[in-house]
PDB file of N, CA and C in Angstrom:
ATOM      1  N   UNK A   1    -239.546 234.558  -1.869  1.00  0.00           N
ATOM      2  CA  UNK A   1    -240.373 234.322  -3.015  1.00  0.00           C
ATOM      3  C   UNK A   1    -239.795 233.175  -3.833  1.00  0.00           C
ATOM      4  N   UNK A   2    -240.682 232.419  -4.430  1.00  0.00           N
ATOM      5  CA  UNK A   2    -240.241 231.327  -5.293  1.00  0.00           C
ATOM      6  C   UNK A   2    -240.285 231.783  -6.742  1.00  0.00           C
ATOM      7  N   UNK A   3    -239.392 231.224  -7.493  1.00  0.00           N
ATOM      8  CA  UNK A   3    -239.339 231.594  -8.901  1.00  0.00           C
ATOM      9  C   UNK A   3    -240.343 230.773  -9.694  1.00  0.00           C
ATOM     10  N   UNK A   4    -241.018 231.429 -10.572  1.00  0.00           N
ATOM     11  CA  UNK A   4    -241.958 230.763 -11.465  1.00  0.00           C
ATOM     12  C   UNK A   4    -241.201 230.350 -12.735  1.00  0.00           C
ATOM     13  N   UNK A   5    -241.459 229.159 -13.237  1.00  0.00           N
ATOM     14  CA  UNK A   5    -240.806 228.794 -14.498  1.00  0.00           C
ATOM     15  C   UNK A   5    -241.272 229.730 -15.606  1.00  0.00           C
ATOM     16  N   UNK A   6    -240.352 230.080 -16.464  1.00  0.00           N
ATOM     17  CA  UNK A   6    -240.718 231.020 -17.525  1.00  0.00           C
ATOM     18  C   UNK A   6    -241.567 230.297 -18.565  1.00  0.00           C
ATOM     19  N   UNK A   7    -242.619 230.955 -18.992  1.00  0.00           N
ATOM     20  CA  UNK A   7    -243.523 230.396 -19.984  1.00  0.00           C
ATOM     21  C   UNK A   7    -243.164 230.867 -21.387  1.00  0.00           C
ATOM     22  N   UNK A   8    -242.031 231.538 -21.497  1.00  0.00           N
ATOM     23  CA  UNK A   8    -241.627 232.055 -22.798  1.00  0.00           C
ATOM     24  C   UNK A   8    -241.125 230.951 -23.716  1.00  0.00           C
ATOM     25  N   UNK A   9    -240.651 229.857 -23.142  1.00  0.00           N
ATOM     26  CA  UNK A   9    -240.131 228.774 -23.959  1.00  0.00           C
ATOM     27  C   UNK A   9    -241.284 227.949 -24.518  1.00  0.00           C
ATOM     28  N   UNK A  10    -241.154 227.614 -25.782  1.00  0.00           N
ATOM     29  CA  UNK A  10    -242.172 226.781 -26.398  1.00  0.00           C
ATOM     30  C   UNK A  10    -241.933 225.334 -25.987  1.00  0.00           C
ATOM     31  N   UNK A  11    -242.973 224.531 -25.926  1.00  0.00           N
ATOM     32  CA  UNK A  11    -242.785 223.130 -25.563  1.00  0.00           C
ATOM     33  C   UNK A  11    -241.970 222.404 -26.626  1.00  0.00           C
ATOM     34  N   UNK A  12    -241.339 221.334 -26.214  1.00  0.00           N
ATOM     35  CA  UNK A  12    -240.523 220.512 -27.107  1.00  0.00           C
ATOM     36  C   UNK A  12    -241.412 219.916 -28.189  1.00  0.00           C
ATOM     37  N   UNK A  13    -240.996 220.033 -29.434  1.00  0.00           N
ATOM     38  CA  UNK A  13    -241.778 219.512 -30.559  1.00  0.00           C
ATOM     39  C   UNK A  13    -241.402 218.057 -30.771  1.00  0.00           C
ATOM     40  N   UNK A  14    -242.395 217.187 -30.665  1.00  0.00           N
ATOM     41  CA  UNK A  14    -242.155 215.753 -30.775  1.00  0.00           C
ATOM     42  C   UNK A  14    -242.529 215.246 -32.158  1.00  0.00           C
ATOM     43  N   UNK A  15    -241.876 214.170 -32.538  1.00  0.00           N
ATOM     44  CA  UNK A  15    -242.182 213.520 -33.803  1.00  0.00           C
ATOM     45  C   UNK A  15    -243.513 212.788 -33.654  1.00  0.00           C
ATOM     46  N   UNK A  16    -244.369 212.943 -34.642  1.00  0.00           N
ATOM     47  CA  UNK A  16    -245.668 212.273 -34.618  1.00  0.00           C
ATOM     48  C   UNK A  16    -245.493 210.796 -34.913  1.00  0.00           C
ATOM     49  N   UNK A  17    -246.168 209.966 -34.156  1.00  0.00           N
ATOM     50  CA  UNK A  17    -246.099 208.512 -34.331  1.00  0.00           C
ATOM     51  C   UNK A  17    -247.402 208.028 -34.961  1.00  0.00           C
ATOM     52  N   UNK A  18    -247.599 208.369 -36.224  1.00  0.00           N
ATOM     53  CA  UNK A  18    -248.863 208.034 -36.896  1.00  0.00           C
ATOM     54  C   UNK A  18    -248.633 207.174 -38.130  1.00  0.00           C
ATOM     55  N   UNK A  19    -247.590 206.382 -38.131  1.00  0.00           N
ATOM     56  CA  UNK A  19    -247.270 205.548 -39.289  1.00  0.00           C
ATOM     57  C   UNK A  19    -248.373 204.521 -39.528  1.00  0.00           C
ATOM     58  N   UNK A  20    -248.627 204.245 -40.806  1.00  0.00           N
ATOM     59  CA  UNK A  20    -249.640 203.266 -41.203  1.00  0.00           C
ATOM     60  C   UNK A  20    -249.024 202.323 -42.236  1.00  0.00           C
ATOM     61  N   UNK A  21    -248.415 201.205 -41.788  1.00  0.00           N
ATOM     62  CA  UNK A  21    -247.756 200.295 -42.723  1.00  0.00           C
ATOM     63  C   UNK A  21    -248.706 199.666 -43.750  1.00  0.00           C
ATOM     64  N   UNK A  22    -249.989 199.673 -43.475  1.00  0.00           N
ATOM     65  CA  UNK A  22    -250.966 199.102 -44.409  1.00  0.00           C
ATOM     66  C   UNK A  22    -251.098 199.968 -45.664  1.00  0.00           C
ATOM     67  N   UNK A  23    -250.897 201.276 -45.536  1.00  0.00           N
ATOM     68  CA  UNK A  23    -251.021 202.213 -46.644  1.00  0.00           C
ATOM     69  C   UNK A  23    -249.617 202.523 -47.152  1.00  0.00           C
ATOM     70  N   UNK A  24    -249.256 201.952 -48.315  1.00  0.00           N
ATOM     71  CA  UNK A  24    -247.884 202.060 -48.813  1.00  0.00           C
ATOM     72  C   UNK A  24    -247.474 203.503 -49.062  1.00  0.00           C
ATOM     73  N   UNK A  25    -248.320 204.291 -49.729  1.00  0.00           N
ATOM     74  CA  UNK A  25    -247.963 205.681 -50.032  1.00  0.00           C
ATOM     75  C   UNK A  25    -247.736 206.480 -48.761  1.00  0.00           C
ATOM     76  N   UNK A  26    -248.611 206.326 -47.792  1.00  0.00           N
ATOM     77  CA  UNK A  26    -248.435 207.075 -46.553  1.00  0.00           C
ATOM     78  C   UNK A  26    -247.216 206.571 -45.786  1.00  0.00           C
ATOM     79  N   UNK A  27    -246.995 205.266 -45.813  1.00  0.00           N
ATOM     80  CA  UNK A  27    -245.852 204.694 -45.097  1.00  0.00           C
ATOM     81  C   UNK A  27    -244.536 205.247 -45.643  1.00  0.00           C
ATOM     82  N   UNK A  28    -244.402 205.320 -46.965  1.00  0.00           N
ATOM     83  CA  UNK A  28    -243.170 205.860 -47.542  1.00  0.00           C
ATOM     84  C   UNK A  28    -243.040 207.346 -47.240  1.00  0.00           C
ATOM     85  N   UNK A  29    -244.138 208.071 -47.273  1.00  0.00           N
ATOM     86  CA  UNK A  29    -244.090 209.491 -46.926  1.00  0.00           C
ATOM     87  C   UNK A  29    -243.708 209.665 -45.454  1.00  0.00           C
ATOM     88  N   UNK A  30    -244.202 208.779 -44.596  1.00  0.00           N
ATOM     89  CA  UNK A  30    -243.863 208.862 -43.179  1.00  0.00           C
ATOM     90  C   UNK A  30    -242.374 208.565 -42.958  1.00  0.00           C
ATOM     91  N   UNK A  31    -241.810 207.643 -43.732  1.00  0.00           N
ATOM     92  CA  UNK A  31    -240.380 207.357 -43.602  1.00  0.00           C
ATOM     93  C   UNK A  31    -239.550 208.573 -43.996  1.00  0.00           C
ATOM     94  N   UNK A  32    -239.961 209.267 -45.055  1.00  0.00           N
ATOM     95  CA  UNK A  32    -239.277 210.502 -45.456  1.00  0.00           C
ATOM     96  C   UNK A  32    -239.415 211.546 -44.353  1.00  0.00           C
ATOM     97  N   UNK A  33    -240.632 211.689 -43.835  1.00  0.00           N
ATOM     98  CA  UNK A  33    -240.884 212.637 -42.749  1.00  0.00           C
ATOM     99  C   UNK A  33    -240.014 212.326 -41.535  1.00  0.00           C
ATOM    100  N   UNK A  34    -239.940 211.066 -41.169  1.00  0.00           N
ATOM    101  CA  UNK A  34    -239.184 210.664 -39.987  1.00  0.00           C
ATOM    102  C   UNK A  34    -237.699 210.989 -40.143  1.00  0.00           C
ATOM    103  N   UNK A  35    -237.152 210.690 -41.307  1.00  0.00           N
ATOM    104  CA  UNK A  35    -235.731 210.978 -41.560  1.00  0.00           C
ATOM    105  C   UNK A  35    -235.476 212.477 -41.529  1.00  0.00           C
ATOM    106  N   UNK A  36    -236.360 213.241 -42.168  1.00  0.00           N
ATOM    107  CA  UNK A  36    -236.186 214.692 -42.182  1.00  0.00           C
ATOM    108  C   UNK A  36    -236.338 215.283 -40.789  1.00  0.00           C
ATOM    109  N   UNK A  37    -237.300 214.783 -40.027  1.00  0.00           N
ATOM    110  CA  UNK A  37    -237.537 215.298 -38.683  1.00  0.00           C
ATOM    111  C   UNK A  37    -236.304 215.088 -37.805  1.00  0.00           C
ATOM    112  N   UNK A  38    -235.652 213.928 -37.960  1.00  0.00           N
ATOM    113  CA  UNK A  38    -234.466 213.646 -37.163  1.00  0.00           C
ATOM    114  C   UNK A  38    -233.277 214.502 -37.569  1.00  0.00           C
ATOM    115  N   UNK A  39    -233.185 214.876 -38.848  1.00  0.00           N
ATOM    116  CA  UNK A  39    -232.020 215.597 -39.340  1.00  0.00           C
ATOM    117  C   UNK A  39    -232.173 217.111 -39.370  1.00  0.00           C
ATOM    118  N   UNK A  40    -233.396 217.593 -39.347  1.00  0.00           N
ATOM    119  CA  UNK A  40    -233.618 219.035 -39.462  1.00  0.00           C
ATOM    120  C   UNK A  40    -233.445 219.704 -38.098  1.00  0.00           C
ATOM    121  N   UNK A  41    -232.955 220.931 -38.139  1.00  0.00           N
ATOM    122  CA  UNK A  41    -232.838 221.687 -36.897  1.00  0.00           C
ATOM    123  C   UNK A  41    -233.768 222.892 -36.987  1.00  0.00           C
ATOM    124  N   UNK A  42    -234.303 223.269 -35.880  1.00  0.00           N
ATOM    125  CA  UNK A  42    -235.205 224.411 -35.859  1.00  0.00           C
ATOM    126  C   UNK A  42    -236.634 223.994 -35.598  1.00  0.00           C
ATOM    127  N   UNK A  43    -237.269 224.721 -34.696  1.00  0.00           N
ATOM    128  CA  UNK A  43    -238.643 224.394 -34.322  1.00  0.00           C
ATOM    129  C   UNK A  43    -239.627 224.675 -35.452  1.00  0.00           C
ATOM    130  N   UNK A  44    -239.382 225.738 -36.223  1.00  0.00           N
ATOM    131  CA  UNK A  44    -240.304 226.058 -37.311  1.00  0.00           C
ATOM    132  C   UNK A  44    -240.328 224.953 -38.350  1.00  0.00           C
ATOM    133  N   UNK A  45    -239.169 224.398 -38.659  1.00  0.00           N
ATOM    134  CA  UNK A  45    -239.095 223.322 -39.644  1.00  0.00           C
ATOM    135  C   UNK A  45    -239.825 222.085 -39.130  1.00  0.00           C
ATOM    136  N   UNK A  46    -239.641 221.765 -37.855  1.00  0.00           N
ATOM    137  CA  UNK A  46    -240.301 220.588 -37.284  1.00  0.00           C
ATOM    138  C   UNK A  46    -241.813 220.779 -37.234  1.00  0.00           C
ATOM    139  N   UNK A  47    -242.259 221.998 -36.916  1.00  0.00           N
ATOM    140  CA  UNK A  47    -243.708 222.272 -36.921  1.00  0.00           C
ATOM    141  C   UNK A  47    -244.271 222.098 -38.325  1.00  0.00           C
ATOM    142  N   UNK A  48    -243.535 222.601 -39.316  1.00  0.00           N
ATOM    143  CA  UNK A  48    -243.989 222.496 -40.698  1.00  0.00           C
ATOM    144  C   UNK A  48    -244.061 221.033 -41.138  1.00  0.00           C
ATOM    145  N   UNK A  49    -243.058 220.255 -40.767  1.00  0.00           N
ATOM    146  CA  UNK A  49    -243.078 218.825 -41.108  1.00  0.00           C
ATOM    147  C   UNK A  49    -244.254 218.115 -40.436  1.00  0.00           C
ATOM    148  N   UNK A  50    -244.484 218.429 -39.154  1.00  0.00           N
ATOM    149  CA  UNK A  50    -245.620 217.824 -38.446  1.00  0.00           C
ATOM    150  C   UNK A  50    -246.941 218.191 -39.113  1.00  0.00           C
ATOM    151  N   UNK A  51    -247.076 219.449 -39.500  1.00  0.00           N
ATOM    152  CA  UNK A  51    -248.300 219.913 -40.145  1.00  0.00           C
ATOM    153  C   UNK A  51    -248.522 219.187 -41.472  1.00  0.00           C
ATOM    154  N   UNK A  52    -247.458 219.033 -42.255  1.00  0.00           N
ATOM    155  CA  UNK A  52    -247.581 218.379 -43.558  1.00  0.00           C
ATOM    156  C   UNK A  52    -247.940 216.905 -43.429  1.00  0.00           C
ATOM    157  N   UNK A  53    -247.302 216.188 -42.513  1.00  0.00           N
ATOM    158  CA  UNK A  53    -247.606 214.757 -42.379  1.00  0.00           C
ATOM    159  C   UNK A  53    -249.010 214.564 -41.799  1.00  0.00           C
ATOM    160  N   UNK A  54    -249.419 215.463 -40.931  1.00  0.00           N
ATOM    161  CA  UNK A  54    -250.773 215.383 -40.367  1.00  0.00           C
ATOM    162  C   UNK A  54    -251.821 215.656 -41.447  1.00  0.00           C
ATOM    163  N   UNK A  55    -251.570 216.659 -42.291  1.00  0.00           N
ATOM    164  CA  UNK A  55    -252.494 216.951 -43.392  1.00  0.00           C
ATOM    165  C   UNK A  55    -252.569 215.785 -44.378  1.00  0.00           C
ATOM    166  N   UNK A  56    -251.435 215.140 -44.610  1.00  0.00           N
ATOM    167  CA  UNK A  56    -251.429 213.990 -45.506  1.00  0.00           C
ATOM    168  C   UNK A  56    -252.230 212.836 -44.912  1.00  0.00           C
ATOM    169  N   UNK A  57    -252.095 212.612 -43.625  1.00  0.00           N
ATOM    170  CA  UNK A  57    -252.824 211.533 -42.942  1.00  0.00           C
ATOM    171  C   UNK A  57    -254.336 211.762 -43.020  1.00  0.00           C
ATOM    172  N   UNK A  58    -254.733 213.032 -42.917  1.00  0.00           N
ATOM    173  CA  UNK A  58    -256.161 213.367 -42.951  1.00  0.00           C
ATOM    174  C   UNK A  58    -256.676 213.615 -44.373  1.00  0.00           C
ATOM    175  N   UNK A  59    -255.845 213.322 -45.386  1.00  0.00           N
ATOM    176  CA  UNK A  59    -256.196 213.492 -46.796  1.00  0.00           C
ATOM    177  C   UNK A  59    -256.548 214.929 -47.166  1.00  0.00           C
ATOM    178  N   UNK A  60    -255.962 215.883 -46.471  1.00  0.00           N
ATOM    179  CA  UNK A  60    -256.148 217.288 -46.831  1.00  0.00           C
ATOM    180  C   UNK A  60    -255.244 217.675 -47.997  1.00  0.00           C
ATOM    181  N   UNK A  61    -254.105 216.978 -48.122  1.00  0.00           N
ATOM    182  CA  UNK A  61    -253.194 217.219 -49.234  1.00  0.00           C
ATOM    183  C   UNK A  61    -252.835 215.880 -49.869  1.00  0.00           C
ATOM    184  N   UNK A  62    -252.397 215.937 -51.095  1.00  0.00           N
ATOM    185  CA  UNK A  62    -251.995 214.714 -51.801  1.00  0.00           C
ATOM    186  C   UNK A  62    -250.522 214.422 -51.512  1.00  0.00           C
ATOM    187  N   UNK A  63    -250.076 213.200 -51.800  1.00  0.00           N
ATOM    188  CA  UNK A  63    -248.657 212.891 -51.598  1.00  0.00           C
ATOM    189  C   UNK A  63    -247.732 213.791 -52.418  1.00  0.00           C
ATOM    190  N   UNK A  64    -248.155 214.180 -53.616  1.00  0.00           N
ATOM    191  CA  UNK A  64    -247.339 215.066 -54.440  1.00  0.00           C
ATOM    192  C   UNK A  64    -247.127 216.410 -53.752  1.00  0.00           C
ATOM    193  N   UNK A  65    -248.194 216.933 -53.173  1.00  0.00           N
ATOM    194  CA  UNK A  65    -248.097 218.216 -52.465  1.00  0.00           C
ATOM    195  C   UNK A  65    -247.215 218.060 -51.228  1.00  0.00           C
ATOM    196  N   UNK A  66    -247.335 216.926 -50.538  1.00  0.00           N
ATOM    197  CA  UNK A  66    -246.496 216.674 -49.366  1.00  0.00           C
ATOM    198  C   UNK A  66    -245.021 216.716 -49.745  1.00  0.00           C
ATOM    199  N   UNK A  67    -244.659 215.976 -50.807  1.00  0.00           N
ATOM    200  CA  UNK A  67    -243.255 215.930 -51.213  1.00  0.00           C
ATOM    201  C   UNK A  67    -242.772 217.293 -51.691  1.00  0.00           C
ATOM    202  N   UNK A  68    -243.641 218.044 -52.350  1.00  0.00           N
ATOM    203  CA  UNK A  68    -243.264 219.387 -52.787  1.00  0.00           C
ATOM    204  C   UNK A  68    -243.031 220.290 -51.579  1.00  0.00           C
ATOM    205  N   UNK A  69    -243.858 220.144 -50.553  1.00  0.00           N
ATOM    206  CA  UNK A  69    -243.720 220.988 -49.369  1.00  0.00           C
ATOM    207  C   UNK A  69    -242.473 220.666 -48.552  1.00  0.00           C
ATOM    208  N   UNK A  70    -242.097 219.395 -48.480  1.00  0.00           N
ATOM    209  CA  UNK A  70    -240.940 219.012 -47.658  1.00  0.00           C
ATOM    210  C   UNK A  70    -239.639 218.992 -48.451  1.00  0.00           C
ATOM    211  N   UNK A  71    -239.703 219.267 -49.749  1.00  0.00           N
ATOM    212  CA  UNK A  71    -238.495 219.194 -50.573  1.00  0.00           C
ATOM    213  C   UNK A  71    -237.433 220.185 -50.126  1.00  0.00           C
ATOM    214  N   UNK A  72    -237.832 221.306 -49.546  1.00  0.00           N
ATOM    215  CA  UNK A  72    -236.832 222.302 -49.107  1.00  0.00           C
ATOM    216  C   UNK A  72    -235.987 221.789 -47.947  1.00  0.00           C
ATOM    217  N   UNK A  73    -236.483 220.809 -47.213  1.00  0.00           N
ATOM    218  CA  UNK A  73    -235.722 220.256 -46.085  1.00  0.00           C
ATOM    219  C   UNK A  73    -234.864 219.066 -46.500  1.00  0.00           C
ATOM    220  N   UNK A  74    -235.035 218.596 -47.734  1.00  0.00           N
ATOM    221  CA  UNK A  74    -234.317 217.407 -48.184  1.00  0.00           C
ATOM    222  C   UNK A  74    -232.907 217.716 -48.657  1.00  0.00           C
ATOM    223  N   UNK A  75    -232.551 218.952 -48.820  1.00  0.00           N
ATOM    224  CA  UNK A  75    -231.200 219.307 -49.234  1.00  0.00           C
ATOM    225  C   UNK A  75    -231.106 219.516 -50.727  1.00  0.00           C
ATOM    226  N   UNK A  76    -229.929 219.912 -51.155  1.00  0.00           N
ATOM    227  CA  UNK A  76    -229.725 220.231 -52.563  1.00  0.00           C
ATOM    228  C   UNK A  76    -229.315 219.030 -53.392  1.00  0.00           C
ATOM    229  N   UNK A  77    -229.000 217.912 -52.775  1.00  0.00           N
ATOM    230  CA  UNK A  77    -228.527 216.745 -53.508  1.00  0.00           C
ATOM    231  C   UNK A  77    -229.519 216.250 -54.538  1.00  0.00           C
ATOM    232  N   UNK A  78    -230.796 216.243 -54.201  1.00  0.00           N
ATOM    233  CA  UNK A  78    -231.794 215.721 -55.132  1.00  0.00           C
ATOM    234  C   UNK A  78    -232.082 216.682 -56.267  1.00  0.00           C
ATOM    235  N   UNK A  79    -232.079 217.982 -55.991  1.00  0.00           N
ATOM    236  CA  UNK A  79    -232.413 218.937 -57.035  1.00  0.00           C
ATOM    237  C   UNK A  79    -231.298 219.041 -58.063  1.00  0.00           C
ATOM    238  N   UNK A  80    -230.041 218.820 -57.666  1.00  0.00           N
ATOM    239  CA  UNK A  80    -228.930 218.877 -58.605  1.00  0.00           C
ATOM    240  C   UNK A  80    -228.984 217.729 -59.592  1.00  0.00           C
ATOM    241  N   UNK A  81    -229.397 216.564 -59.149  1.00  0.00           N
ATOM    242  CA  UNK A  81    -229.464 215.410 -60.032  1.00  0.00           C
ATOM    243  C   UNK A  81    -230.465 215.623 -61.155  1.00  0.00           C
ATOM    244  N   UNK A  82    -231.541 216.313 -60.879  1.00  0.00           N
ATOM    245  CA  UNK A  82    -232.554 216.529 -61.897  1.00  0.00           C
ATOM    246  C   UNK A  82    -232.052 217.460 -62.987  1.00  0.00           C
ATOM    247  N   UNK A  83    -231.205 218.398 -62.649  1.00  0.00           N
ATOM    248  CA  UNK A  83    -230.725 219.372 -63.617  1.00  0.00           C
ATOM    249  C   UNK A  83    -229.615 218.821 -64.499  1.00  0.00           C
ATOM    250  N   UNK A  84    -228.857 217.882 -63.976  1.00  0.00           N
ATOM    251  CA  UNK A  84    -227.748 217.333 -64.747  1.00  0.00           C
ATOM    252  C   UNK A  84    -228.267 216.586 -65.966  1.00  0.00           C
ATOM    253  N   UNK A  85    -227.536 216.761 -67.044  1.00  0.00           N
ATOM    254  CA  UNK A  85    -227.866 216.005 -68.248  1.00  0.00           C
ATOM    255  C   UNK A  85    -226.739 215.038 -68.502  1.00  0.00           C
ATOM    256  N   UNK A  86    -227.081 213.912 -69.000  1.00  0.00           N
ATOM    257  CA  UNK A  86    -226.058 212.945 -69.314  1.00  0.00           C
ATOM    258  C   UNK A  86    -226.114 212.659 -70.804  1.00  0.00           C
ATOM    259  N   UNK A  87    -224.993 212.269 -71.328  1.00  0.00           N
ATOM    260  CA  UNK A  87    -224.931 211.951 -72.742  1.00  0.00           C
ATOM    261  C   UNK A  87    -224.627 210.473 -72.906  1.00  0.00           C
ATOM    262  N   UNK A  88    -225.197 209.917 -73.921  1.00  0.00           N
ATOM    263  CA  UNK A  88    -224.946 208.530 -74.260  1.00  0.00           C
ATOM    264  C   UNK A  88    -224.241 208.535 -75.602  1.00  0.00           C
ATOM    265  N   UNK A  89    -223.060 207.977 -75.612  1.00  0.00           N
ATOM    266  CA  UNK A  89    -222.339 207.900 -76.871  1.00  0.00           C
ATOM    267  C   UNK A  89    -222.760 206.622 -77.579  1.00  0.00           C
ATOM    268  N   UNK A  90    -223.261 206.793 -78.753  1.00  0.00           N
ATOM    269  CA  UNK A  90    -223.722 205.636 -79.517  1.00  0.00           C
ATOM    270  C   UNK A  90    -222.694 205.277 -80.580  1.00  0.00           C
ATOM    271  N   UNK A  91    -222.846 204.100 -81.092  1.00  0.00           N
ATOM    272  CA  UNK A  91    -221.908 203.614 -82.092  1.00  0.00           C
ATOM    273  C   UNK A  91    -222.667 202.692 -83.029  1.00  0.00           C
ATOM    274  N   UNK A  92    -222.363 202.811 -84.285  1.00  0.00           N
ATOM    275  CA  UNK A  92    -223.005 201.905 -85.237  1.00  0.00           C
ATOM    276  C   UNK A  92    -222.509 200.492 -84.984  1.00  0.00           C
ATOM    277  N   UNK A  93    -223.355 199.535 -85.307  1.00  0.00           N
ATOM    278  CA  UNK A  93    -222.998 198.139 -85.079  1.00  0.00           C
ATOM    279  C   UNK A  93    -221.751 197.761 -85.879  1.00  0.00           C
ATOM    280  N   UNK A  94    -221.667 198.257 -87.080  1.00  0.00           N
ATOM    281  CA  UNK A  94    -220.510 197.958 -87.935  1.00  0.00           C
ATOM    282  C   UNK A  94    -219.221 198.489 -87.311  1.00  0.00           C
ATOM    283  N   UNK A  95    -219.287 199.716 -86.794  1.00  0.00           N
ATOM    284  CA  UNK A  95    -218.108 200.296 -86.148  1.00  0.00           C
ATOM    285  C   UNK A  95    -217.705 199.498 -84.916  1.00  0.00           C
ATOM    286  N   UNK A  96    -218.701 199.062 -84.150  1.00  0.00           N
ATOM    287  CA  UNK A  96    -218.413 198.276 -82.947  1.00  0.00           C
ATOM    288  C   UNK A  96    -217.741 196.958 -83.322  1.00  0.00           C
ATOM    289  N   UNK A  97    -218.252 196.296 -84.371  1.00  0.00           N
ATOM    290  CA  UNK A  97    -217.665 195.029 -84.816  1.00  0.00           C
ATOM    291  C   UNK A  97    -216.217 195.211 -85.272  1.00  0.00           C
ATOM    292  N   UNK A  98    -215.996 196.271 -86.019  1.00  0.00           N
ATOM    293  CA  UNK A  98    -214.637 196.526 -86.503  1.00  0.00           C
ATOM    294  C   UNK A  98    -213.681 196.773 -85.331  1.00  0.00           C
ATOM    295  N   UNK A  99    -214.151 197.507 -84.372  1.00  0.00           N
ATOM    296  CA  UNK A  99    -213.321 197.808 -83.198  1.00  0.00           C
ATOM    297  C   UNK A  99    -213.033 196.539 -82.399  1.00  0.00           C
ATOM    298  N   UNK A 100    -214.050 195.729 -82.179  1.00  0.00           N
ATOM    299  CA  UNK A 100    -213.853 194.504 -81.393  1.00  0.00           C
ATOM    300  C   UNK A 100    -212.966 193.505 -82.146  1.00  0.00           C
ATOM    301  N   UNK A 101    -213.108 193.410 -83.474  1.00  0.00           N
ATOM    302  CA  UNK A 101    -212.251 192.520 -84.259  1.00  0.00           C
ATOM    303  C   UNK A 101    -210.795 192.982 -84.187  1.00  0.00           C
ATOM    304  N   UNK A 102    -210.601 194.271 -84.244  1.00  0.00           N
ATOM    305  CA  UNK A 102    -209.242 194.812 -84.157  1.00  0.00           C
ATOM    306  C   UNK A 102    -208.625 194.506 -82.795  1.00  0.00           C
ATOM    307  N   UNK A 103    -209.434 194.673 -81.719  1.00  0.00           N
ATOM    308  CA  UNK A 103    -208.925 194.373 -80.383  1.00  0.00           C
ATOM    309  C   UNK A 103    -208.615 192.882 -80.238  1.00  0.00           C
ATOM    310  N   UNK A 104    -209.461 192.030 -80.801  1.00  0.00           N
ATOM    311  CA  UNK A 104    -209.210 190.579 -80.759  1.00  0.00           C
ATOM    312  C   UNK A 104    -207.925 190.223 -81.507  1.00  0.00           C
ATOM    313  N   UNK A 105    -207.727 190.841 -82.656  1.00  0.00           N
ATOM    314  CA  UNK A 105    -206.530 190.602 -83.452  1.00  0.00           C
ATOM    315  C   UNK A 105    -205.279 191.006 -82.672  1.00  0.00           C
ATOM    316  N   UNK A 106    -205.343 192.135 -82.023  1.00  0.00           N
ATOM    317  CA  UNK A 106    -204.193 192.607 -81.227  1.00  0.00           C
ATOM    318  C   UNK A 106    -203.931 191.639 -80.075  1.00  0.00           C
ATOM    319  N   UNK A 107    -204.986 191.210 -79.393  1.00  0.00           N
ATOM    320  CA  UNK A 107    -204.846 190.263 -78.289  1.00  0.00           C
ATOM    321  C   UNK A 107    -204.247 188.934 -78.751  1.00  0.00           C
ATOM    322  N   UNK A 108    -204.698 188.470 -79.896  1.00  0.00           N
ATOM    323  CA  UNK A 108    -204.258 187.190 -80.425  1.00  0.00           C
ATOM    324  C   UNK A 108    -202.767 187.210 -80.768  1.00  0.00           C
ATOM    325  N   UNK A 109    -202.281 188.297 -81.288  1.00  0.00           N
ATOM    326  CA  UNK A 109    -200.885 188.372 -81.718  1.00  0.00           C
ATOM    327  C   UNK A 109    -199.934 188.816 -80.614  1.00  0.00           C
ATOM    328  N   UNK A 110    -200.483 189.265 -79.473  1.00  0.00           N
ATOM    329  CA  UNK A 110    -199.623 189.661 -78.361  1.00  0.00           C
ATOM    330  C   UNK A 110    -199.035 188.469 -77.645  1.00  0.00           C
ATOM    331  N   UNK A 111    -199.626 187.322 -77.773  1.00  0.00           N
ATOM    332  CA  UNK A 111    -199.185 186.137 -77.041  1.00  0.00           C
ATOM    333  C   UNK A 111    -197.828 185.821 -77.355  1.00  0.00           C
TER     334      UNK A 111
END
């Protein structure tokens, strides 16, 4: 008897080649999709990415929805940046002038 190949394995999930350089929004979304597809592991994730880019191409979803859907595959680096707050230390012009004059005076007399 000959062995039959097992049909239990799912076919290899390929990256969709549907880039449209004429459409800037879709082109940038496709670049994000392509990078994520190459870096993500798991068939479910690749199927989800394929579904999202295909829906975007057919105008079933907006670019905002696409980015929201694929954000879970982009990693935590982007979400941490949004939460961080930064502070800007301000200074009155008069204080800045006094400080710079003092530094100039020190520099001048160090010679």
